[in-house]
Amino acid sequence: MVTVEALLRRIARRCPTHDRASYAVTSRLERQLGMTPSPPPDSLVDQFADPGLIDCGRAWCHTRRR
């Protein structure tokens, strides 16, 4: 059964894996902009999780991110 939230995400082409902020992506952007990176989160997993390396399995998401 598909939830309403999943249906709305699909219609809007929003991916819960790739469309959320991650520390890895944010700190990379801060360094590129010449800013001091913000302090890392307490969780070790949250510090190093990079959504760009995760395959969510959605073909439309992979095509959209290219």
PDB file of N, CA and C in Angstrom:
ATOM      1  N   MET A   1       0.838  -1.172   0.000  1.00  0.00           N
ATOM      2  CA  MET A   1       0.000   0.000   0.000  1.00  0.00           C
ATOM      3  C   MET A   1       0.888   1.243   0.000  1.00  0.00           C
ATOM      4  N   VAL A   2       0.587   2.176  -0.836  1.00  0.00           N
ATOM      5  CA  VAL A   2       1.335   3.418  -0.961  1.00  0.00           C
ATOM      6  C   VAL A   2       0.712   4.462  -0.042  1.00  0.00           C
ATOM      7  N   THR A   3       1.564   5.117   0.739  1.00  0.00           N
ATOM      8  CA  THR A   3       1.064   6.164   1.631  1.00  0.00           C
ATOM      9  C   THR A   3       0.870   7.455   0.854  1.00  0.00           C
ATOM     10  N   VAL A   4       0.101   8.342   1.417  1.00  0.00           N
ATOM     11  CA  VAL A   4      -0.135   9.635   0.784  1.00  0.00           C
ATOM     12  C   VAL A   4       1.175  10.412   0.683  1.00  0.00           C
ATOM     13  N   GLU A   5       1.999  10.338   1.735  1.00  0.00           N
ATOM     14  CA  GLU A   5       3.285  11.037   1.721  1.00  0.00           C
ATOM     15  C   GLU A   5       4.174  10.513   0.594  1.00  0.00           C
ATOM     16  N   ALA A   6       4.222   9.202   0.422  1.00  0.00           N
ATOM     17  CA  ALA A   6       5.037   8.614  -0.650  1.00  0.00           C
ATOM     18  C   ALA A   6       4.511   9.030  -2.015  1.00  0.00           C
ATOM     19  N   LEU A   7       3.198   9.081  -2.156  1.00  0.00           N
ATOM     20  CA  LEU A   7       2.601   9.498  -3.418  1.00  0.00           C
ATOM     21  C   LEU A   7       2.924  10.958  -3.733  1.00  0.00           C
ATOM     22  N   LEU A   8       2.819  11.826  -2.729  1.00  0.00           N
ATOM     23  CA  LEU A   8       3.129  13.239  -2.936  1.00  0.00           C
ATOM     24  C   LEU A   8       4.609  13.445  -3.247  1.00  0.00           C
ATOM     25  N   ARG A   9       5.485  12.685  -2.585  1.00  0.00           N
ATOM     26  CA  ARG A   9       6.916  12.776  -2.900  1.00  0.00           C
ATOM     27  C   ARG A   9       7.181  12.344  -4.332  1.00  0.00           C
ATOM     28  N   ARG A  10       6.494  11.312  -4.778  1.00  0.00           N
ATOM     29  CA  ARG A  10       6.677  10.805  -6.143  1.00  0.00           C
ATOM     30  C   ARG A  10       6.198  11.823  -7.169  1.00  0.00           C
ATOM     31  N   ILE A  11       5.066  12.429  -6.915  1.00  0.00           N
ATOM     32  CA  ILE A  11       4.529  13.433  -7.831  1.00  0.00           C
ATOM     33  C   ILE A  11       5.469  14.637  -7.909  1.00  0.00           C
ATOM     34  N   ALA A  12       5.981  15.079  -6.755  1.00  0.00           N
ATOM     35  CA  ALA A  12       6.873  16.231  -6.711  1.00  0.00           C
ATOM     36  C   ALA A  12       8.312  15.860  -7.065  1.00  0.00           C
ATOM     37  N   ARG A  13       8.555  14.564  -7.266  1.00  0.00           N
ATOM     38  CA  ARG A  13       9.903  14.042  -7.538  1.00  0.00           C
ATOM     39  C   ARG A  13      10.881  14.446  -6.450  1.00  0.00           C
ATOM     40  N   ARG A  14      10.457  14.225  -5.197  1.00  0.00           N
ATOM     41  CA  ARG A  14      11.289  14.494  -4.033  1.00  0.00           C
ATOM     42  C   ARG A  14      11.708  13.145  -3.447  1.00  0.00           C
ATOM     43  N   CYS A  15      12.961  13.005  -3.128  1.00  0.00           N
ATOM     44  CA  CYS A  15      13.498  11.766  -2.595  1.00  0.00           C
ATOM     45  C   CYS A  15      13.854  11.959  -1.124  1.00  0.00           C
ATOM     46  N   PRO A  16      13.314  11.138  -0.234  1.00  0.00           N
ATOM     47  CA  PRO A  16      13.630  11.303   1.181  1.00  0.00           C
ATOM     48  C   PRO A  16      15.103  11.026   1.493  1.00  0.00           C
ATOM     49  N   THR A  17      15.801  10.313   0.630  1.00  0.00           N
ATOM     50  CA  THR A  17      17.221  10.024   0.839  1.00  0.00           C
ATOM     51  C   THR A  17      18.096  11.177   0.368  1.00  0.00           C
ATOM     52  N   HIS A  18      17.809  11.715  -0.808  1.00  0.00           N
ATOM     53  CA  HIS A  18      18.702  12.684  -1.420  1.00  0.00           C
ATOM     54  C   HIS A  18      18.293  14.144  -1.231  1.00  0.00           C
ATOM     55  N   ASP A  19      17.094  14.407  -0.806  1.00  0.00           N
ATOM     56  CA  ASP A  19      16.627  15.788  -0.673  1.00  0.00           C
ATOM     57  C   ASP A  19      16.636  16.284   0.773  1.00  0.00           C
ATOM     58  N   ARG A  20      17.530  15.754   1.562  1.00  0.00           N
ATOM     59  CA  ARG A  20      17.670  16.248   2.931  1.00  0.00           C
ATOM     60  C   ARG A  20      19.121  16.662   3.144  1.00  0.00           C
ATOM     61  N   ALA A  21      19.311  17.597   4.030  1.00  0.00           N
ATOM     62  CA  ALA A  21      20.663  18.086   4.283  1.00  0.00           C
ATOM     63  C   ALA A  21      21.489  17.017   4.990  1.00  0.00           C
ATOM     64  N   SER A  22      22.749  16.911   4.619  1.00  0.00           N
ATOM     65  CA  SER A  22      23.664  16.013   5.319  1.00  0.00           C
ATOM     66  C   SER A  22      24.907  16.807   5.677  1.00  0.00           C
ATOM     67  N   TYR A  23      25.547  16.406   6.754  1.00  0.00           N
ATOM     68  CA  TYR A  23      26.732  17.126   7.205  1.00  0.00           C
ATOM     69  C   TYR A  23      27.845  17.054   6.168  1.00  0.00           C
ATOM     70  N   ALA A  24      28.008  15.902   5.517  1.00  0.00           N
ATOM     71  CA  ALA A  24      29.073  15.751   4.517  1.00  0.00           C
ATOM     72  C   ALA A  24      28.907  16.756   3.377  1.00  0.00           C
ATOM     73  N   VAL A  25      27.698  16.891   2.877  1.00  0.00           N
ATOM     74  CA  VAL A  25      27.433  17.801   1.762  1.00  0.00           C
ATOM     75  C   VAL A  25      27.535  19.257   2.227  1.00  0.00           C
ATOM     76  N   THR A  26      26.971  19.555   3.385  1.00  0.00           N
ATOM     77  CA  THR A  26      26.993  20.918   3.907  1.00  0.00           C
ATOM     78  C   THR A  26      28.417  21.387   4.192  1.00  0.00           C
ATOM     79  N   SER A  27      29.218  20.535   4.829  1.00  0.00           N
ATOM     80  CA  SER A  27      30.592  20.951   5.144  1.00  0.00           C
ATOM     81  C   SER A  27      31.431  21.084   3.878  1.00  0.00           C
ATOM     82  N   ARG A  28      31.183  20.247   2.875  1.00  0.00           N
ATOM     83  CA  ARG A  28      31.888  20.372   1.595  1.00  0.00           C
ATOM     84  C   ARG A  28      31.557  21.715   0.941  1.00  0.00           C
ATOM     85  N   LEU A  29      30.296  22.091   0.957  1.00  0.00           N
ATOM     86  CA  LEU A  29      29.869  23.369   0.388  1.00  0.00           C
ATOM     87  C   LEU A  29      30.467  24.542   1.161  1.00  0.00           C
ATOM     88  N   GLU A  30      30.479  24.441   2.492  1.00  0.00           N
ATOM     89  CA  GLU A  30      31.068  25.510   3.306  1.00  0.00           C
ATOM     90  C   GLU A  30      32.550  25.690   2.986  1.00  0.00           C
ATOM     91  N   ARG A  31      33.290  24.595   2.821  1.00  0.00           N
ATOM     92  CA  ARG A  31      34.717  24.696   2.480  1.00  0.00           C
ATOM     93  C   ARG A  31      34.903  25.301   1.091  1.00  0.00           C
ATOM     94  N   GLN A  32      34.039  24.921   0.131  1.00  0.00           N
ATOM     95  CA  GLN A  32      34.140  25.476  -1.221  1.00  0.00           C
ATOM     96  C   GLN A  32      33.886  26.978  -1.231  1.00  0.00           C
ATOM     97  N   LEU A  33      33.036  27.439  -0.332  1.00  0.00           N
ATOM     98  CA  LEU A  33      32.713  28.857  -0.250  1.00  0.00           C
ATOM     99  C   LEU A  33      33.703  29.634   0.618  1.00  0.00           C
ATOM    100  N   GLY A  34      34.693  28.929   1.173  1.00  0.00           N
ATOM    101  CA  GLY A  34      35.693  29.584   1.996  1.00  0.00           C
ATOM    102  C   GLY A  34      35.242  29.854   3.411  1.00  0.00           C
ATOM    103  N   MET A  35      34.182  29.194   3.828  1.00  0.00           N
ATOM    104  CA  MET A  35      33.658  29.376   5.179  1.00  0.00           C
ATOM    105  C   MET A  35      34.278  28.334   6.110  1.00  0.00           C
ATOM    106  N   THR A  36      34.237  28.597   7.383  1.00  0.00           N
ATOM    107  CA  THR A  36      34.654  27.611   8.369  1.00  0.00           C
ATOM    108  C   THR A  36      33.542  26.574   8.492  1.00  0.00           C
ATOM    109  N   PRO A  37      33.877  25.289   8.326  1.00  0.00           N
ATOM    110  CA  PRO A  37      32.824  24.265   8.433  1.00  0.00           C
ATOM    111  C   PRO A  37      32.175  24.260   9.815  1.00  0.00           C
ATOM    112  N   SER A  38      30.892  24.035   9.839  1.00  0.00           N
ATOM    113  CA  SER A  38      30.162  23.974  11.099  1.00  0.00           C
ATOM    114  C   SER A  38      30.591  22.735  11.881  1.00  0.00           C
ATOM    115  N   PRO A  39      30.399  22.740  13.193  1.00  0.00           N
ATOM    116  CA  PRO A  39      30.808  21.587  13.988  1.00  0.00           C
ATOM    117  C   PRO A  39      30.020  20.336  13.593  1.00  0.00           C
ATOM    118  N   PRO A  40      30.672  19.185  13.630  1.00  0.00           N
ATOM    119  CA  PRO A  40      29.993  17.950  13.224  1.00  0.00           C
ATOM    120  C   PRO A  40      28.917  17.530  14.226  1.00  0.00           C
ATOM    121  N   PRO A  41      27.938  16.781  13.753  1.00  0.00           N
ATOM    122  CA  PRO A  41      26.917  16.277  14.677  1.00  0.00           C
ATOM    123  C   PRO A  41      27.526  15.244  15.624  1.00  0.00           C
ATOM    124  N   ASP A  42      26.834  14.941  16.693  1.00  0.00           N
ATOM    125  CA  ASP A  42      27.330  13.987  17.686  1.00  0.00           C
ATOM    126  C   ASP A  42      27.412  12.566  17.134  1.00  0.00           C
ATOM    127  N   SER A  43      26.495  12.221  16.248  1.00  0.00           N
ATOM    128  CA  SER A  43      26.446  10.864  15.712  1.00  0.00           C
ATOM    129  C   SER A  43      27.531  10.659  14.656  1.00  0.00           C
ATOM    130  N   LEU A  44      28.305   9.598  14.807  1.00  0.00           N
ATOM    131  CA  LEU A  44      29.364   9.285  13.847  1.00  0.00           C
ATOM    132  C   LEU A  44      28.781   8.967  12.467  1.00  0.00           C
ATOM    133  N   VAL A  45      27.641   8.302  12.458  1.00  0.00           N
ATOM    134  CA  VAL A  45      26.984   7.970  11.189  1.00  0.00           C
ATOM    135  C   VAL A  45      26.548   9.239  10.469  1.00  0.00           C
ATOM    136  N   ASP A  46      25.964  10.174  11.201  1.00  0.00           N
ATOM    137  CA  ASP A  46      25.524  11.431  10.595  1.00  0.00           C
ATOM    138  C   ASP A  46      26.697  12.266  10.088  1.00  0.00           C
ATOM    139  N   GLN A  47      27.868  12.125  10.692  1.00  0.00           N
ATOM    140  CA  GLN A  47      29.038  12.874  10.255  1.00  0.00           C
ATOM    141  C   GLN A  47      29.509  12.441   8.874  1.00  0.00           C
ATOM    142  N   PHE A  48      29.453  11.149   8.601  1.00  0.00           N
ATOM    143  CA  PHE A  48      30.058  10.635   7.382  1.00  0.00           C
ATOM    144  C   PHE A  48      29.058  10.127   6.337  1.00  0.00           C
ATOM    145  N   ALA A  49      27.780  10.169   6.638  1.00  0.00           N
ATOM    146  CA  ALA A  49      26.773   9.714   5.677  1.00  0.00           C
ATOM    147  C   ALA A  49      26.687  10.707   4.524  1.00  0.00           C
ATOM    148  N   ASP A  50      26.901  10.226   3.323  1.00  0.00           N
ATOM    149  CA  ASP A  50      26.849  11.074   2.130  1.00  0.00           C
ATOM    150  C   ASP A  50      25.746  10.542   1.215  1.00  0.00           C
ATOM    151  N   PRO A  51      24.623  11.246   1.081  1.00  0.00           N
ATOM    152  CA  PRO A  51      23.524  10.764   0.256  1.00  0.00           C
ATOM    153  C   PRO A  51      23.914  10.568  -1.206  1.00  0.00           C
ATOM    154  N   GLY A  52      24.946  11.259  -1.665  1.00  0.00           N
ATOM    155  CA  GLY A  52      25.379  11.108  -3.044  1.00  0.00           C
ATOM    156  C   GLY A  52      25.948   9.729  -3.351  1.00  0.00           C
ATOM    157  N   LEU A  53      26.329   9.001  -2.326  1.00  0.00           N
ATOM    158  CA  LEU A  53      26.880   7.660  -2.514  1.00  0.00           C
ATOM    159  C   LEU A  53      25.827   6.567  -2.384  1.00  0.00           C
ATOM    160  N   ILE A  54      24.634   6.949  -2.001  1.00  0.00           N
ATOM    161  CA  ILE A  54      23.569   5.974  -1.751  1.00  0.00           C
ATOM    162  C   ILE A  54      22.681   5.846  -2.985  1.00  0.00           C
ATOM    163  N   ASP A  55      22.417   4.614  -3.377  1.00  0.00           N
ATOM    164  CA  ASP A  55      21.483   4.361  -4.475  1.00  0.00           C
ATOM    165  C   ASP A  55      20.123   4.084  -3.863  1.00  0.00           C
ATOM    166  N   CYS A  56      19.199   5.003  -4.050  1.00  0.00           N
ATOM    167  CA  CYS A  56      17.874   4.861  -3.446  1.00  0.00           C
ATOM    168  C   CYS A  56      16.983   3.911  -4.245  1.00  0.00           C
ATOM    169  N   GLY A  57      17.391   3.576  -5.459  1.00  0.00           N
ATOM    170  CA  GLY A  57      16.619   2.648  -6.263  1.00  0.00           C
ATOM    171  C   GLY A  57      15.567   3.304  -7.136  1.00  0.00           C
ATOM    172  N   ARG A  58      15.468   4.599  -7.101  1.00  0.00           N
ATOM    173  CA  ARG A  58      14.479   5.302  -7.914  1.00  0.00           C
ATOM    174  C   ARG A  58      15.159   5.809  -9.189  1.00  0.00           C
ATOM    175  N   ALA A  59      14.727   5.327 -10.331  1.00  0.00           N
ATOM    176  CA  ALA A  59      15.335   5.723 -11.595  1.00  0.00           C
ATOM    177  C   ALA A  59      15.171   7.216 -11.843  1.00  0.00           C
ATOM    178  N   TRP A  60      14.019   7.768 -11.505  1.00  0.00           N
ATOM    179  CA  TRP A  60      13.783   9.193 -11.745  1.00  0.00           C
ATOM    180  C   TRP A  60      14.664  10.053 -10.856  1.00  0.00           C
ATOM    181  N   CYS A  61      15.031   9.579  -9.675  1.00  0.00           N
ATOM    182  CA  CYS A  61      15.895  10.343  -8.786  1.00  0.00           C
ATOM    183  C   CYS A  61      17.316  10.357  -9.328  1.00  0.00           C
ATOM    184  N   HIS A  62      17.784   9.230  -9.817  1.00  0.00           N
ATOM    185  CA  HIS A  62      19.127   9.139 -10.377  1.00  0.00           C
ATOM    186  C   HIS A  62      19.255  10.046 -11.599  1.00  0.00           C
ATOM    187  N   THR A  63      18.244  10.069 -12.439  1.00  0.00           N
ATOM    188  CA  THR A  63      18.258  10.907 -13.642  1.00  0.00           C
ATOM    189  C   THR A  63      18.209  12.383 -13.267  1.00  0.00           C
ATOM    190  N   ARG A  64      17.433  12.738 -12.258  1.00  0.00           N
ATOM    191  CA  ARG A  64      17.270  14.130 -11.830  1.00  0.00           C
ATOM    192  C   ARG A  64      18.563  14.673 -11.238  1.00  0.00           C
ATOM    193  N   ARG A  65      19.352  13.843 -10.561  1.00  0.00           N
ATOM    194  CA  ARG A  65      20.561  14.311  -9.875  1.00  0.00           C
ATOM    195  C   ARG A  65      21.745  14.467 -10.825  1.00  0.00           C
ATOM    196  N   ARG A  66      21.671  14.026 -12.045  1.00  0.00           N
ATOM    197  CA  ARG A  66      22.804  14.142 -12.973  1.00  0.00           C
ATOM    198  C   ARG A  66      23.085  15.547 -13.354  1.00  0.00           C
TER     199      ARG A  66
END
